[in-house]
Protein backbone atom coordinates (compact mmCIF):
# COMPACT_ATOMS: atom_id res chain seq x y z
CA UNK A 1 81.10 118.15 21.46
CA UNK A 2 83.25 115.89 23.66
CA UNK A 3 85.72 115.36 20.83
CA UNK A 4 85.97 119.12 20.19
CA UNK A 5 86.57 119.84 23.86
CA UNK A 6 89.17 117.08 24.04
CA UNK A 7 90.97 118.51 21.02
CA UNK A 8 90.91 121.96 22.55
CA UNK A 9 92.31 120.70 25.83
CA UNK A 10 94.99 118.68 24.05
CA UNK A 11 96.02 121.83 22.22
CA UNK A 12 96.26 123.72 25.50
CA UNK A 13 98.61 121.06 26.84
CA UNK A 14 101.57 122.12 24.72
CA UNK A 15 104.38 124.62 24.69
CA UNK A 16 102.98 126.41 21.64
CA UNK A 17 100.01 127.79 23.49
CA UNK A 18 102.18 128.73 26.46
CA UNK A 19 104.27 130.80 24.07
CA UNK A 20 101.11 132.25 22.56
CA UNK A 21 99.83 133.27 25.96
CA UNK A 22 103.21 134.77 26.79
CA UNK A 23 102.98 136.83 23.62
CA UNK A 24 99.63 138.23 24.78
CA UNK A 25 100.64 138.54 28.42
CA UNK A 26 103.82 140.45 27.63
CA UNK A 27 102.25 142.72 24.94
CA UNK A 28 101.86 146.44 25.22
CA UNK A 29 98.12 146.36 25.88
CA UNK A 30 95.75 144.01 27.65
CA UNK A 31 95.11 140.55 26.20
CA UNK A 32 91.80 141.74 24.71
CA UNK A 33 93.60 144.43 22.70
CA UNK A 34 95.52 141.76 20.78
CA UNK A 35 93.32 140.54 17.98
CA UNK A 36 95.19 137.45 16.83
CA UNK A 37 97.72 135.18 18.55
CA UNK A 38 99.11 132.57 16.18
CA UNK A 39 95.83 132.62 14.33
CA UNK A 40 93.64 132.33 17.46
CA UNK A 41 91.56 135.32 18.63
CA UNK A 42 92.74 136.45 22.05
CA UNK A 43 89.19 136.40 23.41
CA UNK A 44 88.87 132.76 22.38
CA UNK A 45 92.10 131.96 24.20
CA UNK A 46 90.79 133.52 27.39
CA UNK A 47 87.49 131.66 27.10
CA UNK A 48 89.32 128.40 26.67
CA UNK A 49 91.44 129.22 29.72
CA UNK A 50 88.26 129.49 31.76
CA UNK A 51 87.17 126.08 30.50
CA UNK A 52 90.57 124.60 31.39
CA UNK A 53 90.66 126.04 34.88
CA UNK A 54 87.12 124.95 35.68
CA UNK A 55 86.61 121.59 34.00
CA UNK A 56 89.98 120.43 32.69
CA UNK A 57 90.65 116.76 33.38
CA UNK A 58 93.38 115.69 35.78
CA UNK A 59 96.95 115.47 34.57
CA UNK A 60 98.62 112.10 34.41
CA UNK A 61 98.58 110.47 37.83
CA UNK A 62 101.65 111.37 39.89
CA UNK A 63 103.92 108.58 41.10
CA UNK A 64 103.20 109.07 44.80
CA UNK A 65 101.49 106.78 47.28
CA UNK A 66 100.87 109.15 50.20
CA UNK A 67 97.33 109.65 51.43
CA UNK A 68 95.61 113.03 50.88
CA UNK A 69 96.52 115.44 53.65
CA UNK A 70 99.97 113.90 54.24
CA UNK A 71 102.45 116.67 55.01
CA UNK A 72 105.28 117.10 52.54
CA UNK A 73 108.11 119.60 52.74
CA UNK A 74 108.65 121.33 49.43
CA UNK A 75 111.62 123.54 48.61
CA UNK A 76 111.45 126.33 46.05
CA UNK A 77 114.98 126.90 44.82
CA UNK A 78 116.08 130.37 43.68
CA UNK A 79 115.45 130.87 39.98
CA UNK A 80 112.78 128.16 39.63
CA UNK A 81 110.05 128.98 37.11
CA UNK A 82 106.37 128.37 37.83
CA UNK A 83 106.49 125.60 35.23
CA UNK A 84 109.29 123.83 37.09
CA UNK A 85 107.53 124.34 40.42
CA UNK A 86 104.22 123.01 39.08
CA UNK A 87 105.93 119.97 37.58
CA UNK A 88 107.60 119.04 40.89
CA UNK A 89 104.43 119.72 42.89
CA UNK A 90 102.53 117.35 40.61
CA UNK A 91 105.23 114.67 40.67
CA UNK A 92 105.14 114.66 44.46
CA UNK A 93 101.34 114.44 44.56
CA UNK A 94 100.80 117.87 46.12
CA UNK A 95 98.62 119.08 43.23
CA UNK A 96 96.66 117.15 40.62
CA UNK A 97 97.48 119.35 37.61
CA UNK A 98 100.61 121.27 36.78
CA UNK A 99 98.74 122.95 33.89
CA UNK A 100 96.14 124.44 36.25
CA UNK A 101 98.96 125.62 38.50
CA UNK A 102 100.73 127.30 35.58
CA UNK A 103 97.63 129.09 34.29
CA UNK A 104 96.58 130.17 37.78
CA UNK A 105 100.00 131.73 38.33
CA UNK A 106 99.87 133.48 34.93
CA UNK A 107 96.35 134.87 35.28
CA UNK A 108 97.01 136.21 38.78
CA UNK A 109 100.41 137.69 38.05
CA UNK A 110 102.13 135.32 40.50
CA UNK A 111 104.76 133.93 38.15
CA UNK A 112 107.53 136.03 39.70
CA UNK A 113 106.13 136.27 43.23
CA UNK A 114 106.76 132.76 44.54
CA UNK A 115 109.20 132.91 47.47
CA UNK A 116 112.31 130.78 47.76
CA UNK A 117 112.57 128.49 50.76
CA UNK A 118 110.97 125.41 52.25
CA UNK A 119 107.21 125.17 52.79
CA UNK A 120 104.99 122.66 54.58
CA UNK A 121 102.42 121.53 51.99
CA UNK A 122 100.00 118.60 51.84
CA UNK A 123 99.16 115.88 49.34
CA UNK A 124 96.00 116.71 47.38
CA UNK A 125 96.06 120.51 47.61
CA UNK A 126 94.33 122.53 44.91
CA UNK A 127 96.73 124.35 42.59
CA UNK A 128 95.36 127.69 43.85
CA UNK A 129 95.89 126.79 47.54
CA UNK A 130 99.40 125.53 46.85
CA UNK A 131 100.23 128.69 44.90
CA UNK A 132 98.88 130.99 47.61
CA UNK A 133 100.99 129.17 50.21
CA UNK A 134 104.12 129.63 48.10
CA UNK A 135 103.37 133.33 47.58
CA UNK A 136 101.88 134.40 50.92
CA UNK A 137 102.81 131.58 53.33
CA UNK A 138 105.75 131.34 55.69
CA UNK A 139 108.81 129.21 55.11
CA UNK A 140 109.54 126.65 57.82
CA UNK A 141 112.43 125.41 59.92
CA UNK A 142 112.42 121.63 59.76
CA UNK A 143 113.36 119.56 62.78
CA UNK A 144 113.78 115.79 62.82
CA UNK A 145 115.22 113.31 65.31
CA UNK A 146 117.18 110.13 64.59
CA UNK A 147 117.44 107.91 67.70
CA UNK A 148 120.52 105.91 68.68
CA UNK A 149 120.52 102.46 67.13
CA UNK A 150 118.71 103.44 63.93
CA UNK A 151 120.00 101.66 60.84
CA UNK A 152 120.27 103.35 57.45
CA UNK A 153 116.96 101.72 56.51
CA UNK A 154 115.34 103.09 59.67
CA UNK A 155 116.68 106.57 58.93
CA UNK A 156 115.43 106.43 55.34
CA UNK A 157 111.95 105.37 56.46
CA UNK A 158 111.81 108.10 59.12
CA UNK A 159 112.83 110.82 56.67
CA UNK A 160 110.38 109.54 54.06
CA UNK A 161 107.53 109.42 56.57
CA UNK A 162 108.21 113.02 57.57
CA UNK A 163 108.10 114.11 53.93
CA UNK A 164 111.76 115.10 53.73
CA UNK A 165 113.25 112.72 51.17
CA UNK A 166 112.29 109.56 49.32
CA UNK A 167 113.52 106.45 51.13
CA UNK A 168 114.76 104.86 47.90
CA UNK A 169 116.87 107.94 47.08
CA UNK A 170 118.41 107.92 50.55
CA UNK A 171 119.21 104.20 50.44
CA UNK A 172 120.73 104.48 46.98
CA UNK A 173 123.11 107.22 48.08
CA UNK A 174 123.94 105.44 51.37
CA UNK A 175 125.27 102.42 49.46
CA UNK A 176 128.37 104.23 48.28
CA UNK A 177 128.62 107.29 50.54
CA UNK A 178 132.09 107.49 52.10
CA UNK A 179 132.74 111.13 53.09
CA UNK A 180 135.80 110.52 55.28
CA UNK A 181 138.87 108.26 54.95
CA UNK A 182 137.90 106.21 58.02
CA UNK A 183 134.70 105.10 56.25
CA UNK A 184 136.56 102.17 54.79
CA UNK A 185 135.54 100.24 51.70
CA UNK A 186 134.85 96.61 52.56
CA UNK A 187 133.41 93.74 50.57
CA UNK A 188 129.77 92.76 51.13
CA UNK A 189 128.88 95.97 52.99
CA UNK A 190 125.20 96.77 52.55
CA UNK A 191 125.47 100.52 53.07
CA UNK A 192 128.78 102.36 53.19
CA UNK A 193 127.23 105.12 55.32
CA UNK A 194 125.90 102.67 57.93
CA UNK A 195 127.03 103.71 61.41
CA UNK A 196 128.52 107.03 60.30
CA UNK A 197 125.29 109.10 60.31
CA UNK A 198 125.16 110.43 63.85
CA UNK A 199 121.89 109.94 65.77
CA UNK A 200 120.73 113.38 66.90
CA UNK A 201 118.07 116.08 66.53
CA UNK A 202 118.63 118.17 63.43
CA UNK A 203 117.27 121.47 62.16
CA UNK A 204 117.18 122.53 58.53
CA UNK A 205 116.75 126.10 57.32
CA UNK A 206 116.37 126.70 53.62
CA UNK A 207 116.79 124.34 50.72
CA UNK A 208 117.80 120.72 51.25
CA UNK A 209 117.94 117.39 49.48
CA UNK A 210 119.07 113.84 50.19
CA UNK A 211 122.76 114.68 49.75
CA UNK A 212 122.62 117.67 52.08
CA UNK A 213 120.89 115.71 54.85
CA UNK A 214 123.39 112.86 54.61
CA UNK A 215 126.33 115.27 54.56
CA UNK A 216 124.95 117.06 57.63
CA UNK A 217 124.61 113.81 59.60
CA UNK A 218 128.07 112.55 58.57
CA UNK A 219 129.68 115.89 59.45
CA UNK A 220 128.00 115.71 62.86
CA UNK A 221 129.52 112.26 63.40
CA UNK A 222 132.95 113.57 62.45
CA UNK A 223 132.62 116.43 64.98
CA UNK A 224 131.48 114.07 67.74
CA UNK A 225 134.48 111.82 67.18
CA UNK A 226 136.88 113.91 69.24
CA UNK A 227 140.67 113.91 69.11
CA UNK A 228 140.78 112.10 72.45
CA UNK A 229 138.44 109.39 71.16
CA UNK A 230 140.54 108.92 68.02
CA UNK A 231 143.72 108.77 70.10
CA UNK A 232 142.18 106.21 72.48
CA UNK A 233 141.10 104.00 69.55
CA UNK A 234 144.65 104.10 68.18
CA UNK A 235 145.98 103.21 71.62
CA UNK A 236 143.66 100.17 71.66
CA UNK A 237 144.84 99.21 68.15
CA UNK A 238 141.32 99.78 66.79
CA UNK A 239 140.62 101.55 63.53
CA UNK A 240 137.75 104.04 63.58
CA UNK A 241 135.86 101.64 61.34
CA UNK A 242 136.31 98.80 63.86
CA UNK A 243 135.38 101.11 66.73
CA UNK A 244 132.11 102.11 65.07
CA UNK A 245 131.30 98.53 64.07
CA UNK A 246 131.72 97.22 67.64
CA UNK A 247 129.86 100.25 69.05
CA UNK A 248 126.94 99.55 66.74
CA UNK A 249 126.64 96.04 68.21
CA UNK A 250 126.80 97.45 71.75
CA UNK A 251 124.11 100.00 70.83
CA UNK A 252 121.75 97.27 69.68
CA UNK A 253 122.47 94.92 72.59
CA UNK A 254 122.45 97.28 75.58
CA UNK A 255 119.10 98.46 76.91
CA UNK A 256 120.56 100.08 80.02
CA UNK A 257 123.50 102.45 80.35
CA UNK A 258 125.32 100.28 82.90
CA UNK A 259 125.42 97.35 80.47
CA UNK A 260 127.27 99.12 77.65
CA UNK A 261 130.86 98.82 78.98
CA UNK A 262 130.28 95.21 80.09
CA UNK A 263 128.93 94.13 76.72
CA UNK A 264 131.73 96.04 74.97
CA UNK A 265 134.27 94.19 77.09
CA UNK A 266 132.71 90.80 76.23
CA UNK A 267 132.83 91.54 72.50
CA UNK A 268 136.44 92.75 72.67
CA UNK A 269 137.45 89.68 74.66
CA UNK A 270 135.74 87.32 72.22
CA UNK A 271 137.51 88.99 69.33
CA UNK A 272 140.87 88.47 71.05
CA UNK A 273 140.07 84.81 71.78
CA UNK A 274 138.86 84.11 68.25
CA UNK A 275 135.36 83.22 69.46
CA UNK A 276 132.30 84.06 67.34
CA UNK A 277 130.49 87.13 68.70
CA UNK A 278 127.07 85.44 68.34
CA UNK A 279 125.33 88.82 68.44
CA UNK A 280 121.62 88.52 67.67
CA UNK A 281 121.40 92.03 66.16
CA UNK A 282 123.72 91.02 63.32
CA UNK A 283 121.16 88.40 62.31
CA UNK A 284 118.24 90.78 62.87
CA UNK A 285 120.01 93.14 60.47
CA UNK A 286 119.49 90.58 57.72
CA UNK A 287 115.74 90.18 58.28
CA UNK A 288 112.99 92.20 56.61
CA UNK A 289 111.42 92.85 60.03
CA UNK A 290 112.82 92.37 63.56
CA UNK A 291 111.80 89.36 65.63
CA UNK A 292 111.37 89.25 69.40
CA UNK A 293 113.22 85.93 69.47
CA UNK A 294 115.46 84.53 66.77
CA UNK A 295 114.86 80.97 65.67
CA UNK A 296 117.67 78.48 65.25
CA UNK A 297 117.20 78.55 61.48
CA UNK A 298 117.71 82.33 61.54
CA UNK A 299 121.19 81.85 62.95
CA UNK A 300 122.01 79.62 59.97
CA UNK A 301 121.44 82.39 57.40
CA UNK A 302 124.46 82.53 55.12
CA UNK A 303 125.84 86.05 55.26
CA UNK A 304 129.10 87.75 56.26
CA UNK A 305 126.96 89.71 58.76
CA UNK A 306 125.92 86.56 60.60
CA UNK A 307 128.20 86.48 63.64
CA UNK A 308 126.89 83.03 64.58
CA UNK A 309 128.37 81.60 61.41
CA UNK A 310 131.47 83.77 61.12
CA UNK A 311 134.30 84.60 63.51
CA UNK A 312 135.25 88.26 63.86
CA UNK A 313 133.38 91.44 63.09
CA UNK A 314 130.66 91.77 60.45
CA UNK A 315 131.68 93.63 57.25
CA UNK A 316 130.64 96.93 58.80
CA UNK A 317 128.41 98.64 61.36
CA UNK A 318 124.75 97.59 61.60
CA UNK A 319 123.35 100.81 63.09
CA UNK A 320 124.22 104.33 64.21
CA UNK A 321 125.84 104.22 67.66
CA UNK A 322 125.59 107.17 70.01
CA UNK A 323 128.44 108.64 72.03
CA UNK A 324 127.74 106.39 75.03
CA UNK A 325 128.27 103.22 73.00
CA UNK A 326 131.41 104.59 71.36
CA UNK A 327 132.80 105.49 74.79
CA UNK A 328 131.87 102.04 76.15
CA UNK A 329 134.09 100.42 73.52
CA UNK A 330 136.91 102.88 74.22
CA UNK A 331 136.60 102.35 77.98
CA UNK A 332 135.24 98.81 78.51
CA UNK A 333 134.53 97.27 81.91
CA UNK A 334 137.02 95.02 83.65
CA UNK A 335 135.26 91.69 84.26
CA UNK A 336 135.71 87.98 83.64
CA UNK A 337 132.40 87.67 81.81
CA UNK A 338 132.30 85.97 78.45
CA UNK A 339 128.54 85.42 77.97
CA UNK A 340 125.35 87.41 78.46
CA UNK A 341 121.62 87.00 77.89
CA UNK A 342 118.80 89.55 78.16
CA UNK A 343 115.33 89.00 79.62
CA UNK A 344 112.08 90.39 78.17
CA UNK A 345 112.65 93.72 79.93
CA UNK A 346 116.13 94.22 78.55
CA UNK A 347 117.95 93.31 81.74
CA UNK A 348 121.21 91.50 81.06
CA UNK A 349 122.60 88.53 82.98
CA UNK A 350 126.25 87.57 82.70
CA UNK A 351 128.28 84.40 83.00
CA UNK A 352 131.94 83.44 82.86
CA UNK A 353 131.37 79.95 81.39
CA UNK A 354 129.01 78.28 78.96
CA UNK A 355 127.31 75.98 81.51
CA UNK A 356 126.28 78.93 83.68
CA UNK A 357 125.17 80.78 80.60
CA UNK A 358 122.82 77.95 79.59
CA UNK A 359 121.31 77.99 83.09
CA UNK A 360 120.70 81.71 82.79
CA UNK A 361 119.08 81.28 79.39
CA UNK A 362 116.67 78.72 80.84
CA UNK A 363 115.77 81.03 83.73
CA UNK A 364 115.33 84.38 81.97
CA UNK A 365 113.88 83.25 78.64
């Protein structure tokens, strides 16, 4: 009995039977008025369908790791068939069987009634519930926020957590994404898009994918970089790439607004003097997880990004700077400071010489 049922279910899981059912479904009369479909009585086909819908085993396990109930945004693109929709729903873990989804749509006449647009679904839905949402539910406007100082990895993780894109897909595209001429190509850069995806709150209406989200964020950066800002960078003999790289360091170092122009001025001065920047965030960028305090051995990591070991700027930005940090670099403070150290609350203390700096480090750390 088990072997017979398995054989029957295996037969159902093929394109031949789908074509057979289509032949019945699209015939002049009802399915019961068709006596034979490829040698199988129509009534037998319908009985087997009932068996499949009620007791069919799960499809192959989808390649997702989200817990049941996790919200996932799913976009139905114009022209998608129920087979294509069911396949993607299963791959993303929203349903456990694309076959059940397909038959449910066929039997209920929903194959051409699924709406285009983006829907909020959940991992582990039944095929029927997912189908009803796509037919009767409302499409959604998606909103997400990327804070200042987020790196490409942070952005990818945020978007993945919110069910928008897969982190791996985002990171893969970010490696080579250079939408504008000022996104220069440099050796040893981890992510070409780093620093050029503007931190902001975004809204998405309609279909989207990894490329569209990245393009939207990069276009926002390009709009925020005004003509006056570009002219000021040229006046300072800074390329846009250098401006964004320095601003990304300021963004990661400054906890308070008042500190941004002072820190920017210190970095610019060090660059002119040929001193190493010794910016902790460039080392943190190399670690799998951030540390509250870097160890001496961390500062010895061999990498072009390590500004303790290398003079000058890192190969590229290390995070997405906001407008305030960009403006701080374009309009730095006028001080004699050359050193700074932050306490546990993010308050910065400044010194003009190394001896005073060491005293400050002892006091605030």
